[in-house]
C-alpha atoms as a PDB file:
ATOM      1  CA  CYS A   1      88.181 -33.176  -1.335  1.00  0.00           C
ATOM      2  CA  ALA A   2      89.929 -30.482  -2.639  1.00  0.00           C
ATOM      3  CA  MET A   3      92.882 -29.589  -0.442  1.00  0.00           C
ATOM      4  CA  THR A   4      92.597 -26.227   0.906  1.00  0.00           C
ATOM      5  CA  GLU A   5      94.675 -24.456   4.361  1.00  0.00           C
ATOM      6  CA  ASN A   6      91.939 -26.099   6.572  1.00  0.00           C
ATOM      7  CA  THR A   7      92.530 -30.180   5.073  1.00  0.00           C
ATOM      8  CA  GLN A   8      94.875 -31.741   6.836  1.00  0.00           C
ATOM      9  CA  ILE A   9      95.739 -36.276   6.455  1.00  0.00           C
ATOM     10  CA  VAL A  10      94.095 -37.527   9.658  1.00  0.00           C
ATOM     11  CA  THR A  11      93.115 -40.854  11.155  1.00  0.00           C
ATOM     12  CA  VAL A  12      89.508 -41.533  11.420  1.00  0.00           C
ATOM     13  CA  LEU A  13      88.723 -43.875  14.138  1.00  0.00           C
ATOM     14  CA  THR A  14      85.021 -45.125  13.600  1.00  0.00           C
ATOM     15  CA  GLY A  15      83.652 -47.523  16.935  1.00  0.00           C
ATOM     16  CA  ASP A  16      80.895 -49.237  18.022  1.00  0.00           C
ATOM     17  CA  LEU A  17      80.476 -50.779  21.584  1.00  0.00           C
ATOM     18  CA  VAL A  18      80.526 -54.943  21.893  1.00  0.00           C
ATOM     19  CA  ASN A  19      77.712 -56.257  23.118  1.00  0.00           C
ATOM     20  CA  SER A  20      75.627 -53.135  23.993  1.00  0.00           C
ATOM     21  CA  THR A  21      72.485 -54.480  24.249  1.00  0.00           C
ATOM     22  CA  ALA A  22      73.588 -56.869  27.165  1.00  0.00           C
ATOM     23  CA  LEU A  23      75.272 -53.992  29.130  1.00  0.00           C
ATOM     24  CA  GLY A  24      72.222 -52.196  29.330  1.00  0.00           C
ATOM     25  CA  ALA A  25      71.468 -48.010  29.033  1.00  0.00           C
ATOM     26  CA  GLU A  26      73.530 -47.451  32.571  1.00  0.00           C
ATOM     27  CA  LYS A  27      76.833 -49.482  31.496  1.00  0.00           C
ATOM     28  CA  VAL A  28      76.574 -47.740  28.223  1.00  0.00           C
ATOM     29  CA  GLU A  29      76.898 -44.199  29.393  1.00  0.00           C
ATOM     30  CA  MET A  30      79.765 -45.653  31.748  1.00  0.00           C
ATOM     31  CA  ALA A  31      81.257 -46.770  28.738  1.00  0.00           C
ATOM     32  CA  PHE A  32      80.546 -43.549  26.640  1.00  0.00           C
ATOM     33  CA  GLU A  33      81.874 -41.767  29.770  1.00  0.00           C
ATOM     34  CA  ARG A  34      85.135 -43.365  29.934  1.00  0.00           C
ATOM     35  CA  LEU A  35      86.099 -43.083  25.888  1.00  0.00           C
ATOM     36  CA  GLN A  36      85.193 -39.430  25.969  1.00  0.00           C
ATOM     37  CA  GLU A  37      88.030 -39.443  29.010  1.00  0.00           C
ATOM     38  CA  VAL A  38      90.464 -41.075  26.691  1.00  0.00           C
ATOM     39  CA  ALA A  39      89.840 -38.711  24.090  1.00  0.00           C
ATOM     40  CA  THR A  40      90.771 -35.914  26.432  1.00  0.00           C
ATOM     41  CA  ASP A  41      94.193 -37.843  27.656  1.00  0.00           C
ATOM     42  CA  LEU A  42      94.691 -37.948  23.888  1.00  0.00           C
ATOM     43  CA  GLU A  43      94.692 -34.371  23.213  1.00  0.00           C
ATOM     44  CA  ALA A  44      98.071 -33.776  23.876  1.00  0.00           C
ATOM     45  CA  TRP A  45      99.009 -36.277  21.338  1.00  0.00           C
ATOM     46  CA  HIS A  46      96.940 -35.015  18.642  1.00  0.00           C
ATOM     47  CA  GLY A  47      97.543 -30.928  19.153  1.00  0.00           C
ATOM     48  CA  GLY A  48      93.701 -30.201  20.307  1.00  0.00           C
ATOM     49  CA  SER A  49      89.732 -31.978  20.428  1.00  0.00           C
ATOM     50  CA  LEU A  50      89.628 -35.253  18.846  1.00  0.00           C
ATOM     51  CA  LEU A  51      86.167 -34.118  17.984  1.00  0.00           C
ATOM     52  CA  PHE A  52      84.219 -37.336  20.125  1.00  0.00           C
ATOM     53  CA  THR A  53      81.485 -37.985  18.336  1.00  0.00           C
ATOM     54  CA  ARG A  54      78.599 -40.534  19.406  1.00  0.00           C
ATOM     55  CA  HIS A  55      76.448 -41.584  16.706  1.00  0.00           C
ATOM     56  CA  ARG A  56      73.594 -44.435  15.982  1.00  0.00           C
ATOM     57  CA  GLY A  57      73.315 -45.169  19.711  1.00  0.00           C
ATOM     58  CA  ASP A  58      76.117 -47.453  20.607  1.00  0.00           C
ATOM     59  CA  GLY A  59      78.815 -46.297  17.827  1.00  0.00           C
ATOM     60  CA  TRP A  60      81.716 -43.649  18.234  1.00  0.00           C
ATOM     61  CA  GLN A  61      83.885 -41.579  16.161  1.00  0.00           C
ATOM     62  CA  VAL A  62      87.143 -39.594  16.804  1.00  0.00           C
ATOM     63  CA  VAL A  63      89.796 -37.521  14.754  1.00  0.00           C
ATOM     64  CA  LEU A  64      93.209 -38.699  15.420  1.00  0.00           C
ATOM     65  CA  ARG A  65      95.324 -35.428  13.899  1.00  0.00           C
ATOM     66  CA  GLU A  66      98.783 -37.243  14.428  1.00  0.00           C
ATOM     67  CA  PRO A  67      98.087 -40.367  12.372  1.00  0.00           C
ATOM     68  CA  LYS A  68     101.526 -41.763  13.754  1.00  0.00           C
ATOM     69  CA  TYR A  69      99.553 -42.221  17.291  1.00  0.00           C
ATOM     70  CA  ALA A  70      97.200 -44.247  15.641  1.00  0.00           C
ATOM     71  CA  LEU A  71      97.773 -47.844  16.666  1.00  0.00           C
ATOM     72  CA  ARG A  72      99.199 -46.193  20.222  1.00  0.00           C
ATOM     73  CA  SER A  73      95.670 -44.310  20.597  1.00  0.00           C
ATOM     74  CA  ALA A  74      93.285 -47.017  19.928  1.00  0.00           C
ATOM     75  CA  LEU A  75      95.101 -49.350  22.079  1.00  0.00           C
ATOM     76  CA  MET A  76      93.933 -46.395  24.452  1.00  0.00           C
ATOM     77  CA  PHE A  77      90.698 -46.897  23.995  1.00  0.00           C
ATOM     78  CA  ARG A  78      90.651 -50.556  24.114  1.00  0.00           C
ATOM     79  CA  ALA A  79      92.636 -50.101  27.635  1.00  0.00           C
ATOM     80  CA  GLY A  80      90.278 -47.236  28.877  1.00  0.00           C
ATOM     81  CA  LEU A  81      87.163 -49.542  28.104  1.00  0.00           C
ATOM     82  CA  LYS A  82      89.091 -53.005  30.194  1.00  0.00           C
ATOM     83  CA  ALA A  83      89.800 -50.973  32.877  1.00  0.00           C
ATOM     84  CA  ILE A  84      86.358 -50.175  34.114  1.00  0.00           C
ATOM     85  CA  GLY A  85      85.160 -53.690  33.377  1.00  0.00           C
ATOM     86  CA  GLY A  86      85.857 -57.059  31.377  1.00  0.00           C
ATOM     87  CA  GLU A  87      82.612 -56.885  29.896  1.00  0.00           C
ATOM     88  CA  PHE A  88      83.736 -53.564  28.044  1.00  0.00           C
ATOM     89  CA  ASP A  89      85.341 -53.669  24.544  1.00  0.00           C
ATOM     90  CA  THR A  90      84.550 -52.008  21.028  1.00  0.00           C
ATOM     91  CA  TYR A  91      84.924 -52.530  17.473  1.00  0.00           C
ATOM     92  CA  MET A  92      87.587 -50.427  16.008  1.00  0.00           C
ATOM     93  CA  SER A  93      88.230 -49.385  11.900  1.00  0.00           C
ATOM     94  CA  LEU A  94      90.846 -47.243  11.755  1.00  0.00           C
ATOM     95  CA  LEU A  95      91.630 -45.500   8.234  1.00  0.00           C
ATOM     96  CA  ASP A  96      93.712 -42.483   6.869  1.00  0.00           C
ATOM     97  CA  GLY A  97      92.184 -39.825   4.632  1.00  0.00           C
ATOM     98  CA  ASP A  98      92.115 -36.092   4.139  1.00  0.00           C
ATOM     99  CA  VAL A  99      89.474 -34.070   6.126  1.00  0.00           C
ATOM    100  CA  GLU A 100      88.657 -30.239   5.596  1.00  0.00           C
ATOM    101  CA  PHE A 101      88.505 -29.022   8.806  1.00  0.00           C
ATOM    102  CA  THR A 102      85.330 -26.434   9.788  1.00  0.00           C
ATOM    103  CA  GLU A 103      84.002 -24.693  13.013  1.00  0.00           C
ATOM    104  CA  GLN A 104      81.533 -27.615  13.459  1.00  0.00           C
ATOM    105  CA  GLN A 105      82.164 -30.280  16.615  1.00  0.00           C
ATOM    106  CA  ASP A 106      79.922 -32.976  15.445  1.00  0.00           C
ATOM    107  CA  LEU A 107      81.852 -35.270  13.175  1.00  0.00           C
ATOM    108  CA  ASN A 108      78.288 -36.621  11.936  1.00  0.00           C
ATOM    109  CA  THR A 109      78.087 -33.220   9.908  1.00  0.00           C
ATOM    110  CA  TYR A 110      81.782 -34.014   8.056  1.00  0.00           C
ATOM    111  CA  THR A 111      81.129 -35.527   4.510  1.00  0.00           C
ATOM    112  CA  GLU A 112      84.466 -36.824   3.306  1.00  0.00           C
ATOM    113  CA  PRO A 113      85.046 -39.916   2.059  1.00  0.00           C
ATOM    114  CA  VAL A 114      87.236 -41.074   4.946  1.00  0.00           C
ATOM    115  CA  PHE A 115      84.099 -40.953   7.207  1.00  0.00           C
ATOM    116  CA  THR A 116      81.964 -43.236   5.015  1.00  0.00           C
ATOM    117  CA  TYR A 117      84.532 -46.004   3.970  1.00  0.00           C
ATOM    118  CA  SER A 118      85.740 -45.674   8.134  1.00  0.00           C
ATOM    119  CA  GLY A 119      82.336 -46.895   9.119  1.00  0.00           C
ATOM    120  CA  ARG A 120      82.058 -49.572   6.146  1.00  0.00           C
ATOM    121  CA  PHE A 121      85.067 -51.159   7.150  1.00  0.00           C
ATOM    122  CA  LEU A 122      83.811 -51.032  10.770  1.00  0.00           C
ATOM    123  CA  GLU A 123      80.888 -53.336   9.489  1.00  0.00           C
ATOM    124  CA  LEU A 124      83.012 -56.090   8.422  1.00  0.00           C
ATOM    125  CA  ILE A 125      85.235 -55.985  11.419  1.00  0.00           C
ATOM    126  CA  LYS A 126      81.846 -56.508  13.452  1.00  0.00           C
ATOM    127  CA  ARG A 127      81.532 -59.430  10.850  1.00  0.00           C
ATOM    128  CA  GLU A 128      84.211 -61.321  11.743  1.00  0.00           C
ATOM    129  CA  ALA A 129      83.845 -60.577  15.597  1.00  0.00           C
ATOM    130  CA  LYS A 130      83.325 -64.906  15.592  1.00  0.00           C
ATOM    131  CA  HIS A 131      87.007 -64.860  14.565  1.00  0.00           C
ATOM    132  CA  GLY A 132      88.004 -62.601  17.780  1.00  0.00           C
ATOM    133  CA  ARG A 133      88.370 -59.584  15.561  1.00  0.00           C
ATOM    134  CA  ARG A 134      87.683 -56.426  17.082  1.00  0.00           C
ATOM    135  CA  MET A 135      90.185 -53.603  15.807  1.00  0.00           C
ATOM    136  CA  ALA A 136      91.632 -52.982  12.020  1.00  0.00           C
ATOM    137  CA  ILE A 137      94.227 -50.497  10.879  1.00  0.00           C
ATOM    138  CA  PHE A 138      93.744 -49.611   7.033  1.00  0.00           C
ATOM    139  CA  ASN A 139      97.065 -48.503   6.404  1.00  0.00           C
ATOM    140  CA  ASP A 140     100.566 -49.618   5.276  1.00  0.00           C
ATOM    141  CA  ASP A 141     100.909 -54.173   5.262  1.00  0.00           C
ATOM    142  CA  GLN A 142     103.423 -53.247   8.491  1.00  0.00           C
ATOM    143  CA  THR A 143     100.973 -51.660  10.390  1.00  0.00           C
ATOM    144  CA  ILE A 144      97.833 -53.845   9.675  1.00  0.00           C
ATOM    145  CA  ALA A 145     100.284 -57.100  10.353  1.00  0.00           C
ATOM    146  CA  ILE A 146     100.851 -55.286  14.173  1.00  0.00           C
ATOM    147  CA  ALA A 147      97.056 -54.005  14.818  1.00  0.00           C
ATOM    148  CA  SER A 148      96.004 -57.841  13.979  1.00  0.00           C
ATOM    149  CA  LEU A 149      98.534 -59.055  16.439  1.00  0.00           C
ATOM    150  CA  ALA A 150      97.951 -56.226  19.127  1.00  0.00           C
ATOM    151  CA  ASP A 151      94.053 -57.033  18.567  1.00  0.00           C
ATOM    152  CA  GLN A 152      94.837 -60.609  19.707  1.00  0.00           C
ATOM    153  CA  ILE A 153      96.423 -59.782  22.780  1.00  0.00           C
ATOM    154  CA  VAL A 154      93.803 -56.682  23.909  1.00  0.00           C
ATOM    155  CA  ASN A 155      91.218 -59.412  23.540  1.00  0.00           C
ATOM    156  CA  ARG A 156      92.840 -61.271  26.485  1.00  0.00           C
ATOM    157  CA  TRP A 157      93.491 -58.503  28.936  1.00  0.00           C
ATOM    158  CA  THR A 158      91.975 -58.297  32.133  1.00  0.00           C
ATOM    159  CA  LYS A 159      90.546 -55.471  34.320  1.00  0.00           C
ATOM    160  CA  ALA A 160      93.943 -54.935  36.328  1.00  0.00           C
ATOM    161  CA  GLN A 161      96.023 -55.455  32.993  1.00  0.00           C
ATOM    162  CA  ALA A 162      94.166 -53.314  30.693  1.00  0.00           C
ATOM    163  CA  SER A 163      94.373 -50.179  33.673  1.00  0.00           C
ATOM    164  CA  ALA A 164      98.646 -51.060  33.971  1.00  0.00           C
ATOM    165  CA  VAL A 165      98.987 -50.562  30.248  1.00  0.00           C
ATOM    166  CA  TYR A 166      96.225 -47.769  29.983  1.00  0.00           C
ATOM    167  CA  HIS A 167      99.150 -46.299  32.421  1.00  0.00           C
ATOM    168  CA  PHE A 168     102.557 -47.433  30.561  1.00  0.00           C
ATOM    169  CA  LEU A 169     100.537 -46.163  27.311  1.00  0.00           C
ATOM    170  CA  MET A 170      99.594 -42.749  28.342  1.00  0.00           C
ATOM    171  CA  ASN A 171     103.361 -41.694  29.597  1.00  0.00           C
ATOM    172  CA  GLU A 172     106.277 -44.308  27.936  1.00  0.00           C
ATOM    173  CA  ASN A 173     108.346 -43.123  30.518  1.00  0.00           C
ATOM    174  CA  THR A 174     106.738 -44.371  33.170  1.00  0.00           C
ATOM    175  CA  THR A 175     108.205 -46.687  35.584  1.00  0.00           C
ATOM    176  CA  TYR A 176     106.484 -50.211  37.525  1.00  0.00           C
ATOM    177  CA  SER A 177     106.948 -48.258  40.468  1.00  0.00           C
ATOM    178  CA  GLN A 178     105.152 -45.248  39.651  1.00  0.00           C
ATOM    179  CA  VAL A 179     101.723 -47.491  38.030  1.00  0.00           C
ATOM    180  CA  GLY A 180     102.145 -49.862  41.395  1.00  0.00           C
ATOM    181  CA  ASP A 181     101.469 -46.584  43.018  1.00  0.00           C
ATOM    182  CA  ASP A 182      98.810 -44.984  41.057  1.00  0.00           C
ATOM    183  CA  LEU A 183      97.264 -48.443  40.841  1.00  0.00           C
ATOM    184  CA  GLY A 184      97.395 -49.132  44.558  1.00  0.00           C
ATOM    185  CA  ILE A 185      99.299 -52.715  43.818  1.00  0.00           C
ATOM    186  CA  SER A 186     102.978 -53.417  44.338  1.00  0.00           C
END
């Protein structure tokens, strides 16, 4: 895309709910409500709306305007979902690229290559799901390796662990006591 004053390098996160057919319509709606809440929580890190957009029934996409928070944001989305129940999770592809922002809030209308390629990479991840893979960041080698390790750890989180991790990720200055108080546990 031609660089203009509205063009910015961002991370496009493309997601798809895991096993949405088995979840059923009511739980799919719960999942999307939670994903929207997480996107709202992340606005402060990214300097505004992530333009959360639902597509293709169980698919979704956001724009992370601060790519340095891409992995942390991805973990927040997965923790947010897993915190509402063990049956909830999402596949995710994260890719950096140029986006020319318009007044349009629906990411389905954006045509930059980063959106297309993020979607294509998501399909690759879903094909590798039998190996336990749920997310990947297509960036530098170090970030790819860290994301792969984090993916395997997140796959094993319980609902309680996901709830606690969400609190810690949201506020790096929080303490165990504060999280315990927030969650009503000791």
